Amino acid sequence: MALGVTSKDDYALKYKRDNRLPSSPASRYADFPGWPKFLNKD
């Protein structure tokens, strides 16, 4: 599922509209790679 997230702030806006998203992916998923890698900006 592609959300089209472009930044951490953009994710926060999408989270407010869709309660199925975790509020903090880093807290929810042990293997969350961090925002730069998640956003392909590393």
PDB file of N, CA and C in Angstrom:
ATOM      1  N   MET A   1       0.849  -1.177   0.000  1.00  0.00           N
ATOM      2  CA  MET A   1       0.000   0.000   0.000  1.00  0.00           C
ATOM      3  C   MET A   1       0.891   1.235   0.000  1.00  0.00           C
ATOM      4  N   ALA A   2       0.800   2.033  -1.003  1.00  0.00           N
ATOM      5  CA  ALA A   2       1.583   3.256  -1.101  1.00  0.00           C
ATOM      6  C   ALA A   2       0.753   4.428  -0.575  1.00  0.00           C
ATOM      7  N   LEU A   3       1.304   5.110   0.394  1.00  0.00           N
ATOM      8  CA  LEU A   3       0.592   6.242   0.986  1.00  0.00           C
ATOM      9  C   LEU A   3       1.002   7.572   0.379  1.00  0.00           C
ATOM     10  N   GLY A   4       2.128   7.592  -0.321  1.00  0.00           N
ATOM     11  CA  GLY A   4       2.620   8.835  -0.884  1.00  0.00           C
ATOM     12  C   GLY A   4       3.155   9.779   0.174  1.00  0.00           C
ATOM     13  N   VAL A   5       3.683   9.238   1.248  1.00  0.00           N
ATOM     14  CA  VAL A   5       4.226  10.051   2.338  1.00  0.00           C
ATOM     15  C   VAL A   5       5.527  10.703   1.874  1.00  0.00           C
ATOM     16  N   THR A   6       5.642  12.007   2.093  1.00  0.00           N
ATOM     17  CA  THR A   6       6.834  12.731   1.657  1.00  0.00           C
ATOM     18  C   THR A   6       7.687  13.241   2.809  1.00  0.00           C
ATOM     19  N   SER A   7       7.145  13.225   4.014  1.00  0.00           N
ATOM     20  CA  SER A   7       7.895  13.698   5.181  1.00  0.00           C
ATOM     21  C   SER A   7       7.237  13.163   6.452  1.00  0.00           C
ATOM     22  N   LYS A   8       7.941  13.340   7.558  1.00  0.00           N
ATOM     23  CA  LYS A   8       7.383  12.930   8.852  1.00  0.00           C
ATOM     24  C   LYS A   8       6.106  13.724   9.150  1.00  0.00           C
ATOM     25  N   ASP A   9       6.117  15.010   8.825  1.00  0.00           N
ATOM     26  CA  ASP A   9       4.931  15.844   9.042  1.00  0.00           C
ATOM     27  C   ASP A   9       3.766  15.406   8.152  1.00  0.00           C
ATOM     28  N   ASP A  10       4.076  15.032   6.916  1.00  0.00           N
ATOM     29  CA  ASP A  10       3.049  14.535   6.006  1.00  0.00           C
ATOM     30  C   ASP A  10       2.434  13.252   6.560  1.00  0.00           C
ATOM     31  N   TYR A  11       3.277  12.378   7.111  1.00  0.00           N
ATOM     32  CA  TYR A  11       2.772  11.148   7.730  1.00  0.00           C
ATOM     33  C   TYR A  11       1.817  11.498   8.876  1.00  0.00           C
ATOM     34  N   ALA A  12       2.191  12.478   9.688  1.00  0.00           N
ATOM     35  CA  ALA A  12       1.347  12.872  10.822  1.00  0.00           C
ATOM     36  C   ALA A  12      -0.034  13.329  10.337  1.00  0.00           C
ATOM     37  N   LEU A  13      -0.086  14.056   9.228  1.00  0.00           N
ATOM     38  CA  LEU A  13      -1.374  14.484   8.671  1.00  0.00           C
ATOM     39  C   LEU A  13      -2.192  13.287   8.195  1.00  0.00           C
ATOM     40  N   LYS A  14      -1.534  12.349   7.540  1.00  0.00           N
ATOM     41  CA  LYS A  14      -2.235  11.150   7.067  1.00  0.00           C
ATOM     42  C   LYS A  14      -2.714  10.299   8.245  1.00  0.00           C
ATOM     43  N   TYR A  15      -1.915  10.249   9.301  1.00  0.00           N
ATOM     44  CA  TYR A  15      -2.303   9.508  10.509  1.00  0.00           C
ATOM     45  C   TYR A  15      -3.580  10.097  11.111  1.00  0.00           C
ATOM     46  N   LYS A  16      -3.689  11.417  11.124  1.00  0.00           N
ATOM     47  CA  LYS A  16      -4.883  12.060  11.688  1.00  0.00           C
ATOM     48  C   LYS A  16      -6.138  11.716  10.893  1.00  0.00           C
ATOM     49  N   ARG A  17      -5.971  11.427   9.599  1.00  0.00           N
ATOM     50  CA  ARG A  17      -7.116  11.104   8.737  1.00  0.00           C
ATOM     51  C   ARG A  17      -7.433   9.614   8.696  1.00  0.00           C
ATOM     52  N   ASP A  18      -6.451   8.788   9.063  1.00  0.00           N
ATOM     53  CA  ASP A  18      -6.641   7.331   8.973  1.00  0.00           C
ATOM     54  C   ASP A  18      -6.153   6.680  10.258  1.00  0.00           C
ATOM     55  N   ASN A  19      -7.076   6.328  11.137  1.00  0.00           N
ATOM     56  CA  ASN A  19      -6.700   5.780  12.438  1.00  0.00           C
ATOM     57  C   ASN A  19      -6.147   4.357  12.361  1.00  0.00           C
ATOM     58  N   ARG A  20      -6.075   3.786  11.161  1.00  0.00           N
ATOM     59  CA  ARG A  20      -5.447   2.464  11.018  1.00  0.00           C
ATOM     60  C   ARG A  20      -3.925   2.563  11.010  1.00  0.00           C
ATOM     61  N   LEU A  21      -3.407   3.754  10.769  1.00  0.00           N
ATOM     62  CA  LEU A  21      -1.956   3.956  10.779  1.00  0.00           C
ATOM     63  C   LEU A  21      -1.469   4.079  12.216  1.00  0.00           C
ATOM     64  N   PRO A  22      -0.283   3.559  12.508  1.00  0.00           N
ATOM     65  CA  PRO A  22       0.263   3.742  13.854  1.00  0.00           C
ATOM     66  C   PRO A  22       0.707   5.190  14.045  1.00  0.00           C
ATOM     67  N   SER A  23       0.529   5.712  15.238  1.00  0.00           N
ATOM     68  CA  SER A  23       0.933   7.096  15.492  1.00  0.00           C
ATOM     69  C   SER A  23       2.442   7.256  15.389  1.00  0.00           C
ATOM     70  N   SER A  24       3.165   6.207  15.747  1.00  0.00           N
ATOM     71  CA  SER A  24       4.623   6.236  15.674  1.00  0.00           C
ATOM     72  C   SER A  24       5.124   4.910  15.110  1.00  0.00           C
ATOM     73  N   PRO A  25       5.444   4.871  13.826  1.00  0.00           N
ATOM     74  CA  PRO A  25       5.937   3.616  13.243  1.00  0.00           C
ATOM     75  C   PRO A  25       7.175   3.079  13.959  1.00  0.00           C
ATOM     76  N   ALA A  26       8.033   3.961  14.436  1.00  0.00           N
ATOM     77  CA  ALA A  26       9.251   3.528  15.133  1.00  0.00           C
ATOM     78  C   ALA A  26       8.917   2.785  16.423  1.00  0.00           C
ATOM     79  N   SER A  27       7.851   3.189  17.086  1.00  0.00           N
ATOM     80  CA  SER A  27       7.439   2.511  18.316  1.00  0.00           C
ATOM     81  C   SER A  27       6.675   1.224  18.023  1.00  0.00           C
ATOM     82  N   ARG A  28       5.970   1.206  16.930  1.00  0.00           N
ATOM     83  CA  ARG A  28       5.124   0.055  16.584  1.00  0.00           C
ATOM     84  C   ARG A  28       5.909  -1.091  15.955  1.00  0.00           C
ATOM     85  N   TYR A  29       6.881  -0.746  15.114  1.00  0.00           N
ATOM     86  CA  TYR A  29       7.632  -1.761  14.367  1.00  0.00           C
ATOM     87  C   TYR A  29       9.098  -1.761  14.790  1.00  0.00           C
ATOM     88  N   ALA A  30       9.550  -2.868  15.337  1.00  0.00           N
ATOM     89  CA  ALA A  30      10.938  -2.974  15.801  1.00  0.00           C
ATOM     90  C   ALA A  30      11.931  -2.793  14.659  1.00  0.00           C
ATOM     91  N   ASP A  31      11.532  -3.162  13.446  1.00  0.00           N
ATOM     92  CA  ASP A  31      12.447  -3.063  12.310  1.00  0.00           C
ATOM     93  C   ASP A  31      12.240  -1.796  11.471  1.00  0.00           C
ATOM     94  N   PHE A  32      11.533  -0.801  12.017  1.00  0.00           N
ATOM     95  CA  PHE A  32      11.347   0.459  11.287  1.00  0.00           C
ATOM     96  C   PHE A  32      12.722   1.066  11.038  1.00  0.00           C
ATOM     97  N   PRO A  33      13.060   1.370   9.781  1.00  0.00           N
ATOM     98  CA  PRO A  33      14.430   1.790   9.453  1.00  0.00           C
ATOM     99  C   PRO A  33      14.763   3.245   9.760  1.00  0.00           C
ATOM    100  N   GLY A  34      13.806   4.008  10.236  1.00  0.00           N
ATOM    101  CA  GLY A  34      14.010   5.442  10.464  1.00  0.00           C
ATOM    102  C   GLY A  34      13.409   6.228   9.305  1.00  0.00           C
ATOM    103  N   TRP A  35      13.102   7.494   9.558  1.00  0.00           N
ATOM    104  CA  TRP A  35      12.404   8.301   8.554  1.00  0.00           C
ATOM    105  C   TRP A  35      13.183   8.492   7.264  1.00  0.00           C
ATOM    106  N   PRO A  36      14.475   8.826   7.301  1.00  0.00           N
ATOM    107  CA  PRO A  36      15.186   9.019   6.023  1.00  0.00           C
ATOM    108  C   PRO A  36      15.131   7.781   5.120  1.00  0.00           C
ATOM    109  N   LYS A  37      15.384   6.625   5.680  1.00  0.00           N
ATOM    110  CA  LYS A  37      15.360   5.395   4.877  1.00  0.00           C
ATOM    111  C   LYS A  37      13.924   5.066   4.449  1.00  0.00           C
ATOM    112  N   PHE A  38      12.966   5.228   5.351  1.00  0.00           N
ATOM    113  CA  PHE A  38      11.562   4.968   5.036  1.00  0.00           C
ATOM    114  C   PHE A  38      11.090   5.853   3.883  1.00  0.00           C
ATOM    115  N   LEU A  39      11.567   7.085   3.852  1.00  0.00           N
ATOM    116  CA  LEU A  39      11.166   8.042   2.820  1.00  0.00           C
ATOM    117  C   LEU A  39      12.097   8.024   1.606  1.00  0.00           C
ATOM    118  N   ASN A  40      13.053   7.087   1.593  1.00  0.00           N
ATOM    119  CA  ASN A  40      14.041   6.991   0.511  1.00  0.00           C
ATOM    120  C   ASN A  40      14.823   8.286   0.335  1.00  0.00           C
ATOM    121  N   LYS A  41      15.207   8.892   1.454  1.00  0.00           N
ATOM    122  CA  LYS A  41      15.961  10.144   1.417  1.00  0.00           C
ATOM    123  C   LYS A  41      17.321  10.004   2.083  1.00  0.00           C
ATOM    124  N   ASP A  42      17.830   8.783   2.139  1.00  0.00           N
ATOM    125  CA  ASP A  42      19.144   8.602   2.772  1.00  0.00           C
ATOM    126  C   ASP A  42      20.238   8.465   1.747  1.00  0.00           C
TER     127      ASP A  42
END
